[in-house]
Amino acid sequence: MKISRFKKSHKTLAFFATHFDYREPYQVLIDATFCQAALQHKIGIEEQIRKYFQCNVKLLTTQCIILEAEALGAPLTGALTIVKQFHVHKCGHEGKPVAAAECLKSMTKDNRYIVASQDRLLQASLRKVPGRCLLYLHKATPVLEAPSDASKKWVQKRAKNLMLGKQEEKIQYMKEKQGLKPTETPVHPKKCKGPKNPNPLSCKKSKKKKPALQGVEQTTRTKAKRKRVKIPEHIKAALAKN
């Protein structure tokens, strides 16, 4: 295998191992379409895959895949013979088999499997889900597909959240070190409110009537008052001459 091809596959495996917990021995789920393509190009699947990965791999299939190949009959007779050579992994559909594509989708929900298939609809569906690793044949060469956009976006979002979390932890640590951590605010008891004073603007002065003067005081006060008398001008002139 070429060095550049090995570097690409190693880089892809490292990505899935780092972010999605893929571990050796890598488990490869193989369906009948992959076996059919290998038969057409006259290659040995186990030999080519082990040579391509250059690490521990385990080749698997499921009962649903075998039953679907049997149902399709003569066109997949050779592929059926090849797929039966691999270890049959429990898929949870025993007694109630489903289509091979549906079986592979359910198998990859909670586990880390590399899906080896030439089914384009299945590949397109798995690319939309983060963490799905695909293997296919390009003519006679196995190719481990680069991480999908969904996987890359998931990793970027996770890295951003981790970075923000670490920054917040660092800020809190620095605050504690400098003694700047905010303390809990004491809870003060509520003050009992007494009766409120009336609003001075709303209070009007009471207008009390003065009691009328009675008896002597009234007469004396009325006598004390003098009325001014206007003197005519000709009398003023006569008095001035005298």
Protein backbone atom coordinates (compact mmCIF):
# COMPACT_ATOMS: atom_id res chain seq x y z
CA MET A 1 0.00 0.00 0.00
CA LYS A 2 1.20 3.49 -0.79
CA ILE A 3 2.48 5.63 2.07
CA SER A 4 0.05 8.47 1.31
CA ARG A 5 -2.92 6.07 1.45
CA PHE A 6 -1.70 4.66 4.77
CA LYS A 7 -1.33 8.16 6.22
CA LYS A 8 -4.90 9.05 5.25
CA SER A 9 -6.35 5.90 6.78
CA HIS A 10 -4.26 6.32 9.93
CA LYS A 11 -5.36 9.95 10.26
CA THR A 12 -9.03 8.98 9.88
CA LEU A 13 -8.74 6.21 12.44
CA ALA A 14 -6.98 8.59 14.85
CA PHE A 15 -9.86 11.08 14.46
CA PHE A 16 -12.51 8.50 15.32
CA ALA A 17 -10.40 7.02 18.11
CA THR A 18 -9.88 10.44 19.71
CA HIS A 19 -13.38 11.85 19.47
CA PHE A 20 -15.68 8.79 19.27
CA ASP A 21 -13.84 6.13 21.31
CA TYR A 22 -13.01 3.69 18.49
CA ARG A 23 -10.53 1.14 19.83
CA GLU A 24 -8.51 -1.84 18.62
CA PRO A 25 -9.38 -4.37 17.50
CA TYR A 26 -11.49 -2.30 15.10
CA GLN A 27 -14.76 -4.09 14.35
CA VAL A 28 -15.78 -4.02 10.68
CA LEU A 29 -19.40 -4.86 9.81
CA ILE A 30 -19.54 -6.25 6.26
CA ASP A 31 -22.69 -6.58 4.16
CA ALA A 32 -23.41 -8.54 0.96
CA THR A 33 -22.93 -5.53 -1.36
CA PHE A 34 -19.32 -5.17 -0.19
CA CYS A 35 -18.74 -8.89 -0.76
CA GLN A 36 -20.31 -8.67 -4.22
CA ALA A 37 -17.94 -5.82 -5.21
CA ALA A 38 -14.95 -7.77 -3.87
CA LEU A 39 -16.02 -10.80 -5.91
CA GLN A 40 -16.28 -8.73 -9.08
CA HIS A 41 -12.76 -7.32 -8.63
CA LYS A 42 -11.39 -10.72 -7.53
CA ILE A 43 -9.88 -9.64 -4.22
CA GLY A 44 -9.73 -11.35 -0.84
CA ILE A 45 -11.59 -9.15 1.66
CA GLU A 46 -9.82 -10.28 4.82
CA GLU A 47 -6.36 -10.04 3.29
CA GLN A 48 -6.96 -6.59 1.75
CA ILE A 49 -8.57 -5.08 4.86
CA ARG A 50 -5.85 -6.28 7.21
CA LYS A 51 -3.21 -5.00 4.82
CA TYR A 52 -5.01 -1.66 4.54
CA PHE A 53 -5.46 -1.03 8.28
CA GLN A 54 -2.14 -2.58 9.41
CA CYS A 55 -3.58 -3.11 12.88
CA ASN A 56 -5.91 -5.48 14.69
CA VAL A 57 -9.32 -5.73 12.99
CA LYS A 58 -12.27 -8.05 13.48
CA LEU A 59 -14.54 -8.82 10.51
CA LEU A 60 -18.20 -9.29 11.39
CA THR A 61 -21.60 -9.70 9.80
CA THR A 62 -25.15 -10.24 11.10
CA GLN A 63 -27.92 -12.78 10.63
CA CYS A 64 -30.10 -10.14 8.92
CA ILE A 65 -27.42 -9.57 6.25
CA ILE A 66 -27.13 -13.30 5.54
CA LEU A 67 -30.91 -13.79 5.35
CA GLU A 68 -31.32 -10.85 2.96
CA ALA A 69 -28.59 -12.26 0.66
CA GLU A 70 -30.32 -15.66 0.73
CA ALA A 71 -33.66 -14.04 -0.15
CA LEU A 72 -32.16 -12.28 -3.18
CA GLY A 73 -31.17 -15.66 -4.62
CA ALA A 74 -28.85 -16.41 -7.54
CA PRO A 75 -27.40 -12.89 -8.18
CA LEU A 76 -25.78 -12.91 -4.73
CA THR A 77 -24.81 -16.56 -4.45
CA GLY A 78 -21.09 -15.80 -4.53
CA ALA A 79 -21.46 -12.88 -2.11
CA LEU A 80 -23.47 -15.10 0.24
CA THR A 81 -20.67 -17.66 0.30
CA ILE A 82 -18.15 -14.95 1.22
CA VAL A 83 -20.25 -13.20 3.86
CA LYS A 84 -20.88 -16.50 5.68
CA GLN A 85 -17.12 -16.78 6.31
CA PHE A 86 -17.19 -13.91 8.83
CA HIS A 87 -18.18 -14.07 12.47
CA VAL A 88 -21.96 -13.64 12.88
CA HIS A 89 -22.54 -10.93 15.49
CA LYS A 90 -25.75 -10.73 17.50
CA CYS A 91 -27.84 -7.82 16.24
CA GLY A 92 -30.94 -8.14 18.42
CA HIS A 93 -33.21 -9.07 15.52
CA GLU A 94 -33.11 -12.83 16.06
CA GLY A 95 -36.49 -14.29 15.17
CA LYS A 96 -37.61 -10.98 13.60
CA PRO A 97 -35.11 -10.18 10.85
CA VAL A 98 -35.05 -6.74 9.24
CA ALA A 99 -33.44 -5.33 6.09
CA ALA A 100 -29.64 -5.31 6.09
CA ALA A 101 -29.48 -1.50 5.96
CA GLU A 102 -31.82 -1.13 8.95
CA CYS A 103 -29.84 -3.74 10.85
CA LEU A 104 -26.57 -1.87 10.28
CA LYS A 105 -28.13 1.43 11.34
CA SER A 106 -29.36 -0.06 14.60
CA MET A 107 -26.00 -1.74 15.23
CA THR A 108 -24.13 1.58 14.98
CA LYS A 109 -26.39 3.49 17.39
CA ASP A 110 -24.65 2.61 20.64
CA ASN A 111 -21.51 0.82 19.43
CA ARG A 112 -18.39 1.67 17.46
CA TYR A 113 -18.41 -0.27 14.19
CA ILE A 114 -16.79 0.48 10.85
CA VAL A 115 -19.50 -0.19 8.25
CA ALA A 116 -18.19 -1.82 5.05
CA SER A 117 -20.87 -1.40 2.38
CA GLN A 118 -21.37 -0.35 -1.23
CA ASP A 119 -25.01 0.64 -0.56
CA ARG A 120 -25.08 4.34 -1.47
CA LEU A 121 -28.38 5.03 0.30
CA LEU A 122 -27.04 3.49 3.49
CA GLN A 123 -23.82 5.49 3.20
CA ALA A 124 -25.73 8.78 2.72
CA SER A 125 -27.90 8.03 5.75
CA LEU A 126 -24.93 7.20 8.02
CA ARG A 127 -23.02 10.34 6.95
CA LYS A 128 -25.73 12.47 8.54
CA VAL A 129 -25.04 10.94 11.97
CA PRO A 130 -21.90 12.05 13.89
CA GLY A 131 -19.39 9.31 14.63
CA ARG A 132 -20.20 6.91 11.79
CA CYS A 133 -17.15 5.44 10.06
CA LEU A 134 -17.52 4.06 6.51
CA LEU A 135 -15.41 1.68 4.44
CA TYR A 136 -15.99 0.99 0.74
CA LEU A 137 -14.20 -0.45 -2.27
CA HIS A 138 -12.86 1.82 -4.98
CA LYS A 139 -12.35 -0.73 -7.75
CA ALA A 140 -10.04 -3.22 -6.01
CA THR A 141 -8.86 -0.89 -3.24
CA PRO A 142 -10.44 -0.49 0.22
CA VAL A 143 -10.98 3.16 1.17
CA LEU A 144 -11.75 4.43 4.65
CA GLU A 145 -13.93 7.49 4.13
CA ALA A 146 -12.85 10.76 5.73
CA PRO A 147 -15.01 12.07 8.62
CA SER A 148 -18.33 13.47 7.45
CA ASP A 149 -19.41 17.08 7.94
CA ALA A 150 -21.76 15.98 10.72
CA SER A 151 -18.86 14.41 12.63
CA LYS A 152 -16.63 17.46 12.15
CA LYS A 153 -19.34 19.88 13.32
CA TRP A 154 -20.02 17.74 16.39
CA VAL A 155 -16.32 17.75 17.30
CA GLN A 156 -16.02 21.52 16.80
CA LYS A 157 -19.07 22.19 18.97
CA ARG A 158 -17.77 19.89 21.70
CA ALA A 159 -14.32 21.51 21.61
CA LYS A 160 -15.88 24.97 21.91
CA ASN A 161 -17.94 23.93 24.93
CA LEU A 162 -14.91 22.37 26.59
CA MET A 163 -12.86 25.51 25.97
CA LEU A 164 -15.52 27.74 27.49
CA GLY A 165 -15.80 25.42 30.48
CA LYS A 166 -12.03 25.46 31.06
CA GLN A 167 -11.89 29.26 30.81
CA GLU A 168 -14.68 29.60 33.35
CA GLU A 169 -12.93 27.20 35.73
CA LYS A 170 -9.68 29.14 35.34
CA ILE A 171 -11.43 32.45 36.08
CA GLN A 172 -13.07 31.00 39.19
CA TYR A 173 -9.71 29.62 40.35
CA MET A 174 -8.01 33.01 39.90
CA LYS A 175 -10.81 34.72 41.81
CA GLU A 176 -10.44 32.30 44.70
CA LYS A 177 -6.67 32.74 44.67
CA GLN A 178 -6.98 36.54 44.80
CA GLY A 179 -9.78 36.42 47.35
CA LEU A 180 -12.24 37.93 44.89
CA LYS A 181 -14.80 35.17 45.04
CA PRO A 182 -18.17 36.75 45.78
CA THR A 183 -19.49 35.80 49.19
CA GLU A 184 -23.04 34.94 49.92
CA THR A 185 -25.16 38.01 50.58
CA PRO A 186 -26.48 38.02 54.17
CA VAL A 187 -30.19 37.82 54.58
CA HIS A 188 -31.44 40.76 56.66
CA PRO A 189 -34.63 40.35 58.70
CA LYS A 190 -37.55 42.33 57.44
CA LYS A 191 -38.32 45.50 59.39
CA CYS A 192 -41.77 45.82 60.83
CA LYS A 193 -43.46 48.77 59.29
CA GLY A 194 -45.49 50.98 61.66
CA PRO A 195 -48.39 53.26 60.82
CA LYS A 196 -47.53 55.87 58.25
CA ASN A 197 -47.89 59.62 58.90
CA PRO A 198 -50.45 61.44 56.82
CA ASN A 199 -49.32 63.22 53.73
CA PRO A 200 -48.72 66.89 54.66
CA LEU A 201 -49.84 68.05 51.22
CA SER A 202 -53.18 66.40 51.65
CA CYS A 203 -53.78 68.01 55.03
CA LYS A 204 -55.69 71.34 54.89
CA LYS A 205 -55.86 73.83 57.70
CA SER A 206 -59.17 73.80 59.41
CA LYS A 207 -61.07 77.05 59.19
CA LYS A 208 -62.61 77.70 62.61
CA LYS A 209 -65.14 80.48 63.07
CA LYS A 210 -64.30 82.94 65.85
CA PRO A 211 -67.00 83.14 68.50
CA ALA A 212 -68.99 86.38 68.46
CA LEU A 213 -68.16 88.87 71.25
CA GLN A 214 -70.83 89.21 73.79
CA GLY A 215 -71.70 91.80 76.44
CA VAL A 216 -69.49 94.69 77.36
CA GLU A 217 -66.49 93.62 75.31
CA GLN A 218 -68.50 93.84 72.13
CA THR A 219 -69.84 97.34 72.95
CA THR A 220 -66.46 98.68 74.04
CA ARG A 221 -64.81 97.45 70.89
CA THR A 222 -67.47 98.95 68.72
CA LYS A 223 -67.09 102.30 70.62
CA ALA A 224 -63.37 102.30 70.31
CA LYS A 225 -63.59 102.34 66.59
CA ARG A 226 -63.72 105.88 65.15
CA LYS A 227 -65.14 106.72 61.87
CA ARG A 228 -63.23 109.13 59.69
CA VAL A 229 -65.23 112.15 58.61
CA LYS A 230 -64.33 113.89 55.42
CA ILE A 231 -64.03 117.72 55.86
CA PRO A 232 -65.04 119.78 52.87
CA GLU A 233 -62.36 121.89 51.21
CA HIS A 234 -63.97 125.33 51.89
CA ILE A 235 -64.10 124.56 55.64
CA LYS A 236 -60.43 123.56 55.60
CA ALA A 237 -59.62 126.91 53.90
CA ALA A 238 -61.60 128.92 56.46
CA LEU A 239 -59.92 127.17 59.36
CA ALA A 240 -56.57 127.82 57.82
CA LYS A 241 -57.24 131.60 57.63
CA ASN A 242 -58.23 131.75 61.34
